[in-house]
Amino acid sequence: MTIGDAAKASGVNAKLIRYYESIGLIPEAGRTASGYRVYNDRDVNVLRFVKRARTLGFGIERIQKLVGLWQDRSRCSSEVKRIALQHIDELEAKIAELQAMRDTLHELADACHGDERPDCPILKDLAS
């Protein structure tokens, strides 16, 4: 199938497919005699795997490891779990950071009169 067909089947756009190929995240596609990329069902499955991993917030480096583990039938699931738990820890840290930002902004917005006066605690905080 062409790159357009692979993009439709996997939900990954053609530009990303070429990028993933260029960084070695997915194997280089076969080529026709005229140089067009050719993909098969296995390639599409890898692209779907990568897309799902991206939607869960995994970075490219971890996705490379996960793809390798997925394709290795002699893998240890403990390694996959370790990667997932590490990612969860990082997500929880980001969530805590975002919640702290939200709380700070709520406090600043509550302290701002939001009227015609020029005094604004939000701007004072940003300038400090």
Protein backbone atom coordinates (compact mmCIF):
# COMPACT_ATOMS: atom_id res chain seq x y z
CA MET A 1 0.00 0.00 0.00
CA THR A 2 1.11 3.59 -0.56
CA ILE A 3 2.03 6.02 2.18
CA GLY A 4 -1.39 7.61 1.82
CA ASP A 5 -3.08 4.25 2.29
CA ALA A 6 -0.87 3.48 5.30
CA ALA A 7 -1.69 6.89 6.75
CA LYS A 8 -5.43 6.26 6.41
CA ALA A 9 -5.19 2.73 7.80
CA SER A 10 -3.06 3.73 10.79
CA GLY A 11 -4.36 7.21 11.56
CA VAL A 12 -0.80 8.59 11.34
CA ASN A 13 -0.29 11.29 8.73
CA ALA A 14 2.19 10.77 5.92
CA LYS A 15 4.55 13.48 7.16
CA LEU A 16 4.84 11.74 10.55
CA ILE A 17 5.34 8.38 8.87
CA ARG A 18 8.30 9.79 6.92
CA TYR A 19 9.64 11.36 10.14
CA TYR A 20 9.31 8.10 12.09
CA GLU A 21 11.19 6.36 9.30
CA SER A 22 13.94 8.99 9.28
CA ILE A 23 14.62 8.58 13.02
CA GLY A 24 14.45 4.78 12.87
CA LEU A 25 11.28 4.47 14.96
CA ILE A 26 9.75 2.38 12.21
CA PRO A 27 11.70 0.42 9.60
CA GLU A 28 12.28 2.02 6.23
CA ALA A 29 9.52 1.14 3.84
CA GLY A 30 10.13 -0.92 0.79
CA ARG A 31 10.29 0.96 -2.47
CA THR A 32 8.78 0.41 -5.86
CA ALA A 33 10.95 0.55 -8.97
CA SER A 34 9.91 4.18 -9.34
CA GLY A 35 10.93 4.98 -5.73
CA TYR A 36 7.53 5.16 -4.05
CA ARG A 37 7.27 3.86 -0.50
CA VAL A 38 5.34 0.62 -0.07
CA TYR A 39 3.85 -0.48 3.25
CA ASN A 40 2.33 -3.74 4.41
CA ASP A 41 -0.07 -4.71 7.19
CA ARG A 42 2.79 -5.23 9.65
CA ASP A 43 4.01 -1.67 9.02
CA VAL A 44 0.49 -0.36 9.63
CA ASN A 45 0.31 -2.30 12.91
CA VAL A 46 3.56 -0.73 14.06
CA LEU A 47 2.24 2.71 13.12
CA ARG A 48 -0.94 2.07 15.13
CA PHE A 49 1.17 0.94 18.08
CA VAL A 50 3.26 4.11 17.87
CA LYS A 51 0.18 6.29 17.57
CA ARG A 52 -1.41 4.72 20.65
CA ALA A 53 1.81 5.09 22.62
CA ARG A 54 1.96 8.77 21.61
CA THR A 55 -1.64 9.32 22.76
CA LEU A 56 -0.60 7.95 26.16
CA GLY A 57 2.18 10.54 26.26
CA PHE A 58 5.19 8.30 25.74
CA GLY A 59 8.21 9.99 24.22
CA ILE A 60 9.97 8.75 21.11
CA GLU A 61 12.83 7.12 23.02
CA ARG A 62 10.47 5.08 25.17
CA ILE A 63 8.32 4.20 22.20
CA GLN A 64 11.41 2.80 20.47
CA LYS A 65 11.99 0.59 23.51
CA LEU A 66 8.34 -0.44 23.66
CA VAL A 67 8.23 -1.29 19.94
CA GLY A 68 11.33 -3.41 20.41
CA LEU A 69 9.80 -5.19 23.38
CA TRP A 70 6.50 -5.65 21.56
CA GLN A 71 8.26 -7.30 18.64
CA ASP A 72 10.45 -9.47 20.91
CA ARG A 73 8.39 -12.54 21.78
CA SER A 74 11.01 -13.57 24.40
CA ARG A 75 10.66 -10.26 26.26
CA CYS A 76 10.10 -9.98 29.97
CA SER A 77 6.90 -8.19 30.81
CA SER A 78 8.68 -6.75 33.85
CA GLU A 79 10.62 -4.43 31.55
CA VAL A 80 7.43 -3.20 29.91
CA LYS A 81 5.85 -2.63 33.31
CA ARG A 82 8.94 -0.76 34.53
CA ILE A 83 8.71 1.62 31.56
CA ALA A 84 4.98 2.15 32.13
CA LEU A 85 5.39 2.80 35.86
CA GLN A 86 8.21 5.25 35.24
CA HIS A 87 5.97 7.09 32.78
CA ILE A 88 3.14 7.12 35.32
CA ASP A 89 5.47 8.69 37.91
CA GLU A 90 6.42 11.40 35.43
CA LEU A 91 2.77 12.02 34.52
CA GLU A 92 1.85 12.35 38.20
CA ALA A 93 4.65 14.88 38.70
CA LYS A 94 3.39 16.89 35.71
CA ILE A 95 -0.16 16.73 37.02
CA ALA A 96 0.97 18.04 40.42
CA GLU A 97 2.88 20.84 38.70
CA LEU A 98 -0.14 21.79 36.60
CA GLN A 99 -2.41 21.72 39.66
CA ALA A 100 0.00 24.04 41.51
CA MET A 101 -0.01 26.44 38.55
CA ARG A 102 -3.81 26.35 38.46
CA ASP A 103 -4.04 27.02 42.20
CA THR A 104 -1.64 29.95 41.96
CA LEU A 105 -3.56 31.45 39.05
CA HIS A 106 -6.84 31.02 40.94
CA GLU A 107 -5.38 32.89 43.92
CA LEU A 108 -4.10 35.68 41.70
CA ALA A 109 -7.37 35.94 39.78
CA ASP A 110 -9.33 36.03 43.03
CA ALA A 111 -7.10 38.85 44.30
CA CYS A 112 -7.60 40.87 41.10
CA HIS A 113 -10.55 43.28 41.24
CA GLY A 114 -11.11 42.94 37.49
CA ASP A 115 -12.46 46.45 37.18
CA GLU A 116 -11.30 49.80 35.82
CA ARG A 117 -8.47 50.11 38.35
CA PRO A 118 -4.97 49.65 36.94
CA ASP A 119 -3.74 47.68 39.98
CA CYS A 120 -3.55 43.98 39.09
CA PRO A 121 -1.98 41.29 41.29
CA ILE A 122 -1.68 38.98 38.28
CA LEU A 123 0.60 41.40 36.43
CA LYS A 124 2.54 42.18 39.64
CA ASP A 125 3.23 38.48 40.13
CA LEU A 126 4.30 37.98 36.52
CA ALA A 127 6.65 40.98 36.77
CA SER A 128 8.26 39.81 40.02
